[in-house]
Every structure is written in structure tokens, then in C-alpha cells.
């Protein structure tokens, strides 16, 4: 939806980044106000596989994925549904 092209959010244990699909493959997304970030100190993400890319098509539909953010012993599960909706109340 941001660029009229497929966009991916890549989730790492210590950070997240954004990419867009170009003719020559996935490239870093360069768009105003959109940038990757490291998780704050003490926060880690656990997803199905390291470097997981959640891909959104040009109209915002996503590949469903589940994961957990952890910090200081607390855990917060999240789910991204096929319609692109993010649910941070997902039980895990």
C-alpha cells in the first residue's frame, strides 16, 4: 500500500527492517517515515524462523505469521492475519 509494490517487514531477534520487491529482487524500502529499528534494550522477538519476512501484497494482504516479543521476563504474543491486521492479544 505504501509503494504500490509488495512490501516485507523482516523480523529479527534484535531488530526489524522493511523491504520492497523490485524487478531485481527484494531491496531496502526507502519511503518517508518508514525505517527499520533495533528493539529496545532487553526486548527480543521470537518468530517461526530467524529473519522471518512478513510479506504484504500491494493492497495490504499479508502472509499470516505468529510471534512473541519478550522483555524482562514478560511475553507478548502477536499475530498478523491474512488481511494485514495485527493482533497483539494473541494467546500462545
PDB file of N, CA and C in Angstrom:
ATOM      1  N   UNK A   1       0.837  -1.178   0.000  1.00  0.00           N
ATOM      2  CA  UNK A   1       0.000   0.000   0.000  1.00  0.00           C
ATOM      3  C   UNK A   1       0.887   1.248   0.000  1.00  0.00           C
ATOM      4  N   UNK A   2       2.063   1.148   0.631  1.00  0.00           N
ATOM      5  CA  UNK A   2       2.967   2.291   0.681  1.00  0.00           C
ATOM      6  C   UNK A   2       3.550   2.651  -0.678  1.00  0.00           C
ATOM      7  N   UNK A   3       3.875   1.649  -1.468  1.00  0.00           N
ATOM      8  CA  UNK A   3       4.624   1.904  -2.692  1.00  0.00           C
ATOM      9  C   UNK A   3       3.958   1.359  -3.947  1.00  0.00           C
ATOM     10  N   UNK A   4       2.814   0.698  -3.809  1.00  0.00           N
ATOM     11  CA  UNK A   4       2.201   0.048  -4.960  1.00  0.00           C
ATOM     12  C   UNK A   4       2.918  -1.231  -5.340  1.00  0.00           C
ATOM     13  N   UNK A   5       3.827  -1.670  -4.498  1.00  0.00           N
ATOM     14  CA  UNK A   5       4.606  -2.903  -4.703  1.00  0.00           C
ATOM     15  C   UNK A   5       4.488  -3.757  -3.437  1.00  0.00           C
ATOM     16  N   UNK A   6       4.809  -5.037  -3.555  1.00  0.00           N
ATOM     17  CA  UNK A   6       4.853  -5.853  -2.337  1.00  0.00           C
ATOM     18  C   UNK A   6       5.879  -5.285  -1.360  1.00  0.00           C
ATOM     19  N   UNK A   7       5.545  -5.314  -0.068  1.00  0.00           N
ATOM     20  CA  UNK A   7       6.416  -4.824   0.994  1.00  0.00           C
ATOM     21  C   UNK A   7       6.573  -5.948   2.013  1.00  0.00           C
ATOM     22  N   UNK A   8       7.761  -6.039   2.605  1.00  0.00           N
ATOM     23  CA  UNK A   8       8.006  -7.039   3.641  1.00  0.00           C
ATOM     24  C   UNK A   8       8.538  -6.362   4.888  1.00  0.00           C
ATOM     25  N   UNK A   9       8.100  -6.869   6.036  1.00  0.00           N
ATOM     26  CA  UNK A   9       8.676  -6.488   7.326  1.00  0.00           C
ATOM     27  C   UNK A   9       9.498  -7.696   7.746  1.00  0.00           C
ATOM     28  N   UNK A  10      10.804  -7.513   7.872  1.00  0.00           N
ATOM     29  CA  UNK A  10      11.682  -8.615   8.275  1.00  0.00           C
ATOM     30  C   UNK A  10      11.923  -8.509   9.773  1.00  0.00           C
ATOM     31  N   UNK A  11      11.569  -9.586  10.498  1.00  0.00           N
ATOM     32  CA  UNK A  11      11.669  -9.618  11.956  1.00  0.00           C
ATOM     33  C   UNK A  11      12.891 -10.433  12.357  1.00  0.00           C
ATOM     34  N   UNK A  12      13.791  -9.787  13.081  1.00  0.00           N
ATOM     35  CA  UNK A  12      14.982 -10.433  13.626  1.00  0.00           C
ATOM     36  C   UNK A  12      14.849 -10.441  15.142  1.00  0.00           C
ATOM     37  N   UNK A  13      15.658 -11.228  15.817  1.00  0.00           N
ATOM     38  CA  UNK A  13      15.593 -11.281  17.279  1.00  0.00           C
ATOM     39  C   UNK A  13      15.845  -9.913  17.896  1.00  0.00           C
ATOM     40  N   UNK A  14      16.689  -9.091  17.262  1.00  0.00           N
ATOM     41  CA  UNK A  14      17.075  -7.823  17.869  1.00  0.00           C
ATOM     42  C   UNK A  14      16.622  -6.583  17.099  1.00  0.00           C
ATOM     43  N   UNK A  15      15.894  -6.744  15.992  1.00  0.00           N
ATOM     44  CA  UNK A  15      15.515  -5.579  15.171  1.00  0.00           C
ATOM     45  C   UNK A  15      14.435  -5.962  14.167  1.00  0.00           C
ATOM     46  N   UNK A  16      13.931  -4.941  13.471  1.00  0.00           N
ATOM     47  CA  UNK A  16      13.055  -5.189  12.330  1.00  0.00           C
ATOM     48  C   UNK A  16      13.472  -4.241  11.214  1.00  0.00           C
ATOM     49  N   UNK A  17      13.200  -4.660   9.976  1.00  0.00           N
ATOM     50  CA  UNK A  17      13.541  -3.845   8.814  1.00  0.00           C
ATOM     51  C   UNK A  17      12.432  -3.980   7.780  1.00  0.00           C
ATOM     52  N   UNK A  18      12.428  -3.070   6.812  1.00  0.00           N
ATOM     53  CA  UNK A  18      11.407  -3.046   5.772  1.00  0.00           C
ATOM     54  C   UNK A  18      12.058  -3.192   4.410  1.00  0.00           C
ATOM     55  N   UNK A  19      11.418  -3.951   3.524  1.00  0.00           N
ATOM     56  CA  UNK A  19      11.911  -4.166   2.171  1.00  0.00           C
ATOM     57  C   UNK A  19      10.770  -4.027   1.180  1.00  0.00           C
ATOM     58  N   UNK A  20      11.101  -3.764  -0.063  1.00  0.00           N
ATOM     59  CA  UNK A  20      10.098  -3.734  -1.124  1.00  0.00           C
ATOM     60  C   UNK A  20      10.593  -4.580  -2.290  1.00  0.00           C
ATOM     61  N   UNK A  21       9.672  -5.163  -3.017  1.00  0.00           N
ATOM     62  CA  UNK A  21      10.013  -6.030  -4.147  1.00  0.00           C
ATOM     63  C   UNK A  21      10.191  -5.161  -5.385  1.00  0.00           C
ATOM     64  N   UNK A  22      11.394  -5.226  -5.946  1.00  0.00           N
ATOM     65  CA  UNK A  22      11.719  -4.510  -7.173  1.00  0.00           C
ATOM     66  C   UNK A  22      11.931  -5.544  -8.282  1.00  0.00           C
ATOM     67  N   UNK A  23      12.175  -5.080  -9.488  1.00  0.00           N
ATOM     68  CA  UNK A  23      12.382  -6.004 -10.607  1.00  0.00           C
ATOM     69  C   UNK A  23      13.553  -6.958 -10.354  1.00  0.00           C
ATOM     70  N   UNK A  24      14.578  -6.483  -9.637  1.00  0.00           N
ATOM     71  CA  UNK A  24      15.769  -7.305  -9.395  1.00  0.00           C
ATOM     72  C   UNK A  24      15.767  -7.973  -8.017  1.00  0.00           C
ATOM     73  N   UNK A  25      14.613  -8.034  -7.352  1.00  0.00           N
ATOM     74  CA  UNK A  25      14.510  -8.724  -6.067  1.00  0.00           C
ATOM     75  C   UNK A  25      14.143  -7.797  -4.931  1.00  0.00           C
ATOM     76  N   UNK A  26      14.226  -8.313  -3.703  1.00  0.00           N
ATOM     77  CA  UNK A  26      13.873  -7.546  -2.505  1.00  0.00           C
ATOM     78  C   UNK A  26      14.986  -6.560  -2.198  1.00  0.00           C
ATOM     79  N   UNK A  27      14.604  -5.296  -1.971  1.00  0.00           N
ATOM     80  CA  UNK A  27      15.539  -4.205  -1.678  1.00  0.00           C
ATOM     81  C   UNK A  27      15.052  -3.457  -0.443  1.00  0.00           C
ATOM     82  N   UNK A  28      15.957  -2.782   0.287  1.00  0.00           N
ATOM     83  CA  UNK A  28      15.507  -1.972   1.428  1.00  0.00           C
ATOM     84  C   UNK A  28      14.463  -0.954   0.972  1.00  0.00           C
ATOM     85  N   UNK A  29      13.417  -0.788   1.771  1.00  0.00           N
ATOM     86  CA  UNK A  29      12.355   0.169   1.461  1.00  0.00           C
ATOM     87  C   UNK A  29      12.814   1.560   1.864  1.00  0.00           C
ATOM     88  N   UNK A  30      12.775   2.459   0.910  1.00  0.00           N
ATOM     89  CA  UNK A  30      13.115   3.861   1.171  1.00  0.00           C
ATOM     90  C   UNK A  30      11.858   4.680   0.949  1.00  0.00           C
ATOM     91  N   UNK A  31      11.189   4.999   2.042  1.00  0.00           N
ATOM     92  CA  UNK A  31       9.953   5.773   1.983  1.00  0.00           C
ATOM     93  C   UNK A  31       9.935   6.724   3.172  1.00  0.00           C
ATOM     94  N   UNK A  32       9.417   7.922   2.992  1.00  0.00           N
ATOM     95  CA  UNK A  32       9.365   8.873   4.105  1.00  0.00           C
ATOM     96  C   UNK A  32       8.654   8.277   5.321  1.00  0.00           C
ATOM     97  N   UNK A  33       9.275   8.395   6.479  1.00  0.00           N
ATOM     98  CA  UNK A  33       8.656   7.940   7.718  1.00  0.00           C
ATOM     99  C   UNK A  33       8.728   6.445   7.964  1.00  0.00           C
ATOM    100  N   UNK A  34       9.345   5.685   7.052  1.00  0.00           N
ATOM    101  CA  UNK A  34       9.441   4.233   7.220  1.00  0.00           C
ATOM    102  C   UNK A  34      10.914   3.862   7.328  1.00  0.00           C
ATOM    103  N   UNK A  35      11.276   3.270   8.464  1.00  0.00           N
ATOM    104  CA  UNK A  35      12.652   2.827   8.636  1.00  0.00           C
ATOM    105  C   UNK A  35      12.686   1.679   9.633  1.00  0.00           C
ATOM    106  N   UNK A  36      13.686   0.870   9.512  1.00  0.00           N
ATOM    107  CA  UNK A  36      13.869  -0.223  10.454  1.00  0.00           C
ATOM    108  C   UNK A  36      14.311   0.311  11.803  1.00  0.00           C
ATOM    109  N   UNK A  37      14.322  -0.560  12.782  1.00  0.00           N
ATOM    110  CA  UNK A  37      14.725  -0.147  14.123  1.00  0.00           C
ATOM    111  C   UNK A  37      15.198  -1.357  14.913  1.00  0.00           C
ATOM    112  N   UNK A  38      16.097  -1.098  15.832  1.00  0.00           N
ATOM    113  CA  UNK A  38      16.505  -2.133  16.780  1.00  0.00           C
ATOM    114  C   UNK A  38      15.469  -2.144  17.901  1.00  0.00           C
ATOM    115  N   UNK A  39      15.208  -3.329  18.437  1.00  0.00           N
ATOM    116  CA  UNK A  39      14.321  -3.408  19.599  1.00  0.00           C
ATOM    117  C   UNK A  39      15.012  -2.708  20.764  1.00  0.00           C
ATOM    118  N   UNK A  40      14.259  -2.132  21.697  1.00  0.00           N
ATOM    119  CA  UNK A  40      14.886  -1.515  22.880  1.00  0.00           C
ATOM    120  C   UNK A  40      15.687  -2.556  23.674  1.00  0.00           C
ATOM    121  N   UNK A  41      16.649  -2.083  24.464  1.00  0.00           N
ATOM    122  CA  UNK A  41      17.445  -2.986  25.301  1.00  0.00           C
ATOM    123  C   UNK A  41      16.541  -3.916  26.095  1.00  0.00           C
ATOM    124  N   UNK A  42      16.889  -5.191  26.101  1.00  0.00           N
ATOM    125  CA  UNK A  42      16.137  -6.181  26.859  1.00  0.00           C
ATOM    126  C   UNK A  42      14.967  -6.794  26.120  1.00  0.00           C
ATOM    127  N   UNK A  43      14.614  -6.267  24.941  1.00  0.00           N
ATOM    128  CA  UNK A  43      13.489  -6.796  24.162  1.00  0.00           C
ATOM    129  C   UNK A  43      14.039  -7.700  23.064  1.00  0.00           C
ATOM    130  N   UNK A  44      13.442  -8.867  22.908  1.00  0.00           N
ATOM    131  CA  UNK A  44      13.780  -9.760  21.809  1.00  0.00           C
ATOM    132  C   UNK A  44      12.494 -10.230  21.148  1.00  0.00           C
ATOM    133  N   UNK A  45      12.607 -10.589  19.887  1.00  0.00           N
ATOM    134  CA  UNK A  45      11.462 -11.133  19.152  1.00  0.00           C
ATOM    135  C   UNK A  45      11.750 -12.592  18.847  1.00  0.00           C
ATOM    136  N   UNK A  46      10.740 -13.423  18.992  1.00  0.00           N
ATOM    137  CA  UNK A  46      10.860 -14.827  18.606  1.00  0.00           C
ATOM    138  C   UNK A  46       9.779 -15.099  17.584  1.00  0.00           C
ATOM    139  N   UNK A  47      10.189 -15.532  16.415  1.00  0.00           N
ATOM    140  CA  UNK A  47       9.261 -15.851  15.344  1.00  0.00           C
ATOM    141  C   UNK A  47       9.568 -17.257  14.852  1.00  0.00           C
ATOM    142  N   UNK A  48       8.778 -17.714  13.893  1.00  0.00           N
ATOM    143  CA  UNK A  48       8.906 -19.088  13.419  1.00  0.00           C
ATOM    144  C   UNK A  48      10.307 -19.426  12.916  1.00  0.00           C
ATOM    145  N   UNK A  49      10.985 -18.448  12.303  1.00  0.00           N
ATOM    146  CA  UNK A  49      12.362 -18.658  11.866  1.00  0.00           C
ATOM    147  C   UNK A  49      13.078 -17.303  11.861  1.00  0.00           C
ATOM    148  N   UNK A  50      14.384 -17.322  12.138  1.00  0.00           N
ATOM    149  CA  UNK A  50      15.162 -16.081  12.203  1.00  0.00           C
ATOM    150  C   UNK A  50      15.083 -15.327  10.882  1.00  0.00           C
ATOM    151  N   UNK A  51      14.961 -14.020  10.970  1.00  0.00           N
ATOM    152  CA  UNK A  51      14.902 -13.192   9.764  1.00  0.00           C
ATOM    153  C   UNK A  51      13.602 -13.332   9.001  1.00  0.00           C
ATOM    154  N   UNK A  52      12.555 -13.825   9.659  1.00  0.00           N
ATOM    155  CA  UNK A  52      11.260 -14.022   9.018  1.00  0.00           C
ATOM    156  C   UNK A  52      10.796 -12.750   8.331  1.00  0.00           C
ATOM    157  N   UNK A  53      10.341 -12.868   7.104  1.00  0.00           N
ATOM    158  CA  UNK A  53       9.786 -11.722   6.387  1.00  0.00           C
ATOM    159  C   UNK A  53       8.280 -11.882   6.306  1.00  0.00           C
ATOM    160  N   UNK A  54       7.567 -10.912   6.851  1.00  0.00           N
ATOM    161  CA  UNK A  54       6.115 -10.870   6.719  1.00  0.00           C
ATOM    162  C   UNK A  54       5.842 -10.055   5.466  1.00  0.00           C
ATOM    163  N   UNK A  55       5.320 -10.694   4.434  1.00  0.00           N
ATOM    164  CA  UNK A  55       5.136 -10.022   3.150  1.00  0.00           C
ATOM    165  C   UNK A  55       3.703  -9.546   2.983  1.00  0.00           C
ATOM    166  N   UNK A  56       3.579  -8.303   2.539  1.00  0.00           N
ATOM    167  CA  UNK A  56       2.284  -7.691   2.251  1.00  0.00           C
ATOM    168  C   UNK A  56       2.217  -7.423   0.754  1.00  0.00           C
ATOM    169  N   UNK A  57       1.097  -7.794   0.124  1.00  0.00           N
ATOM    170  CA  UNK A  57       0.960  -7.504  -1.299  1.00  0.00           C
ATOM    171  C   UNK A  57       0.591  -6.027  -1.484  1.00  0.00           C
ATOM    172  N   UNK A  58       0.501  -5.536  -2.726  1.00  0.00           N
ATOM    173  CA  UNK A  58       0.249  -4.108  -2.943  1.00  0.00           C
ATOM    174  C   UNK A  58      -1.055  -3.574  -2.352  1.00  0.00           C
ATOM    175  N   UNK A  59      -2.013  -4.437  -2.012  1.00  0.00           N
ATOM    176  CA  UNK A  59      -3.260  -3.952  -1.403  1.00  0.00           C
ATOM    177  C   UNK A  59      -3.328  -4.226   0.103  1.00  0.00           C
ATOM    178  N   UNK A  60      -2.223  -4.698   0.694  1.00  0.00           N
ATOM    179  CA  UNK A  60      -2.147  -4.860   2.139  1.00  0.00           C
ATOM    180  C   UNK A  60      -2.435  -6.239   2.682  1.00  0.00           C
ATOM    181  N   UNK A  61      -2.701  -7.221   1.813  1.00  0.00           N
ATOM    182  CA  UNK A  61      -2.905  -8.587   2.297  1.00  0.00           C
ATOM    183  C   UNK A  61      -1.551  -9.165   2.698  1.00  0.00           C
ATOM    184  N   UNK A  62      -1.535  -9.992   3.750  1.00  0.00           N
ATOM    185  CA  UNK A  62      -0.279 -10.497   4.301  1.00  0.00           C
ATOM    186  C   UNK A  62      -0.237 -12.006   4.326  1.00  0.00           C
ATOM    187  N   UNK A  63       0.978 -12.521   4.460  1.00  0.00           N
ATOM    188  CA  UNK A  63       1.160 -13.929   4.769  1.00  0.00           C
ATOM    189  C   UNK A  63       1.006 -14.041   6.289  1.00  0.00           C
ATOM    190  N   UNK A  64       0.064 -14.819   6.794  1.00  0.00           N
ATOM    191  CA  UNK A  64      -0.145 -14.908   8.245  1.00  0.00           C
ATOM    192  C   UNK A  64       1.123 -15.376   8.972  1.00  0.00           C
ATOM    193  N   UNK A  65       1.357 -14.815  10.146  1.00  0.00           N
ATOM    194  CA  UNK A  65       2.519 -15.183  10.954  1.00  0.00           C
ATOM    195  C   UNK A  65       2.197 -14.934  12.424  1.00  0.00           C
ATOM    196  N   UNK A  66       2.840 -15.702  13.287  1.00  0.00           N
ATOM    197  CA  UNK A  66       2.721 -15.520  14.731  1.00  0.00           C
ATOM    198  C   UNK A  66       4.110 -15.380  15.326  1.00  0.00           C
ATOM    199  N   UNK A  67       4.213 -14.654  16.418  1.00  0.00           N
ATOM    200  CA  UNK A  67       5.487 -14.499  17.094  1.00  0.00           C
ATOM    201  C   UNK A  67       5.283 -14.032  18.513  1.00  0.00           C
ATOM    202  N   UNK A  68       6.403 -13.823  19.211  1.00  0.00           N
ATOM    203  CA  UNK A  68       6.379 -13.379  20.601  1.00  0.00           C
ATOM    204  C   UNK A  68       7.456 -12.326  20.790  1.00  0.00           C
ATOM    205  N   UNK A  69       7.099 -11.230  21.451  1.00  0.00           N
ATOM    206  CA  UNK A  69       8.073 -10.255  21.927  1.00  0.00           C
ATOM    207  C   UNK A  69       8.298 -10.536  23.399  1.00  0.00           C
ATOM    208  N   UNK A  70       9.555 -10.505  23.843  1.00  0.00           N
ATOM    209  CA  UNK A  70       9.880 -10.793  25.232  1.00  0.00           C
ATOM    210  C   UNK A  70      10.732  -9.658  25.793  1.00  0.00           C
ATOM    211  N   UNK A  71      10.480  -9.305  27.042  1.00  0.00           N
ATOM    212  CA  UNK A  71      11.286  -8.299  27.737  1.00  0.00           C
ATOM    213  C   UNK A  71      11.181  -8.512  29.232  1.00  0.00           C
ATOM    214  N   UNK A  72      12.332  -8.602  29.891  1.00  0.00           N
ATOM    215  CA  UNK A  72      12.364  -8.700  31.358  1.00  0.00           C
ATOM    216  C   UNK A  72      11.409  -9.754  31.899  1.00  0.00           C
ATOM    217  N   UNK A  73      11.353 -10.903  31.256  1.00  0.00           N
ATOM    218  CA  UNK A  73      10.503 -11.999  31.709  1.00  0.00           C
ATOM    219  C   UNK A  73       9.057 -11.914  31.268  1.00  0.00           C
ATOM    220  N   UNK A  74       8.636 -10.768  30.744  1.00  0.00           N
ATOM    221  CA  UNK A  74       7.266 -10.626  30.228  1.00  0.00           C
ATOM    222  C   UNK A  74       7.244 -11.062  28.770  1.00  0.00           C
ATOM    223  N   UNK A  75       6.107 -11.601  28.329  1.00  0.00           N
ATOM    224  CA  UNK A  75       5.940 -12.067  26.951  1.00  0.00           C
ATOM    225  C   UNK A  75       4.657 -11.489  26.369  1.00  0.00           C
ATOM    226  N   UNK A  76       4.722 -11.096  25.106  1.00  0.00           N
ATOM    227  CA  UNK A  76       3.535 -10.625  24.408  1.00  0.00           C
ATOM    228  C   UNK A  76       3.476 -11.308  23.052  1.00  0.00           C
ATOM    229  N   UNK A  77       2.499 -12.158  22.889  1.00  0.00           N
ATOM    230  CA  UNK A  77       2.303 -12.831  21.606  1.00  0.00           C
ATOM    231  C   UNK A  77       1.646 -11.865  20.626  1.00  0.00           C
ATOM    232  N   UNK A  78       1.925 -12.065  19.347  1.00  0.00           N
ATOM    233  CA  UNK A  78       1.261 -11.277  18.308  1.00  0.00           C
ATOM    234  C   UNK A  78       0.970 -12.170  17.114  1.00  0.00           C
ATOM    235  N   UNK A  79       0.016 -11.746  16.321  1.00  0.00           N
ATOM    236  CA  UNK A  79      -0.351 -12.471  15.100  1.00  0.00           C
ATOM    237  C   UNK A  79      -0.655 -11.427  14.034  1.00  0.00           C
ATOM    238  N   UNK A  80      -0.189 -11.687  12.821  1.00  0.00           N
ATOM    239  CA  UNK A  80      -0.550 -10.868  11.672  1.00  0.00           C
ATOM    240  C   UNK A  80      -1.404 -11.753  10.777  1.00  0.00           C
ATOM    241  N   UNK A  81      -2.640 -11.339  10.555  1.00  0.00           N
ATOM    242  CA  UNK A  81      -3.593 -12.124   9.783  1.00  0.00           C
ATOM    243  C   UNK A  81      -3.461 -11.864   8.281  1.00  0.00           C
ATOM    244  N   UNK A  82      -4.125 -12.681   7.483  1.00  0.00           N
ATOM    245  CA  UNK A  82      -4.061 -12.571   6.036  1.00  0.00           C
ATOM    246  C   UNK A  82      -4.529 -11.210   5.529  1.00  0.00           C
ATOM    247  N   UNK A  83      -5.430 -10.552   6.274  1.00  0.00           N
ATOM    248  CA  UNK A  83      -5.912  -9.236   5.848  1.00  0.00           C
ATOM    249  C   UNK A  83      -4.981  -8.107   6.293  1.00  0.00           C
ATOM    250  N   UNK A  84      -3.832  -8.461   6.899  1.00  0.00           N
ATOM    251  CA  UNK A  84      -2.859  -7.472   7.340  1.00  0.00           C
ATOM    252  C   UNK A  84      -3.095  -6.943   8.737  1.00  0.00           C
ATOM    253  N   UNK A  85      -4.180  -7.378   9.375  1.00  0.00           N
ATOM    254  CA  UNK A  85      -4.488  -6.923  10.733  1.00  0.00           C
ATOM    255  C   UNK A  85      -3.484  -7.521  11.720  1.00  0.00           C
ATOM    256  N   UNK A  86      -3.035  -6.716  12.672  1.00  0.00           N
ATOM    257  CA  UNK A  86      -2.115  -7.149  13.704  1.00  0.00           C
ATOM    258  C   UNK A  86      -2.881  -7.288  15.001  1.00  0.00           C
ATOM    259  N   UNK A  87      -2.776  -8.483  15.626  1.00  0.00           N
ATOM    260  CA  UNK A  87      -3.440  -8.762  16.899  1.00  0.00           C
ATOM    261  C   UNK A  87      -2.360  -9.012  17.938  1.00  0.00           C
ATOM    262  N   UNK A  88      -2.229  -8.105  18.896  1.00  0.00           N
ATOM    263  CA  UNK A  88      -1.220  -8.256  19.946  1.00  0.00           C
ATOM    264  C   UNK A  88      -1.803  -8.902  21.191  1.00  0.00           C
ATOM    265  N   UNK A  89      -3.015  -9.445  21.100  1.00  0.00           N
ATOM    266  CA  UNK A  89      -3.613 -10.133  22.235  1.00  0.00           C
ATOM    267  C   UNK A  89      -3.626 -11.637  22.007  1.00  0.00           C
ATOM    268  N   UNK A  90      -2.960 -12.072  20.948  1.00  0.00           N
ATOM    269  CA  UNK A  90      -2.963 -13.496  20.591  1.00  0.00           C
ATOM    270  C   UNK A  90      -2.373 -14.320  21.721  1.00  0.00           C
ATOM    271  N   UNK A  91      -3.052 -15.375  22.103  1.00  0.00           N
ATOM    272  CA  UNK A  91      -2.547 -16.274  23.137  1.00  0.00           C
ATOM    273  C   UNK A  91      -1.556 -17.245  22.514  1.00  0.00           C
ATOM    274  N   UNK A  92      -0.516 -17.548  23.259  1.00  0.00           N
ATOM    275  CA  UNK A  92       0.491 -18.505  22.769  1.00  0.00           C
ATOM    276  C   UNK A  92       0.843 -19.449  23.842  1.00  0.00           C
TER     277      UNK A  92
END
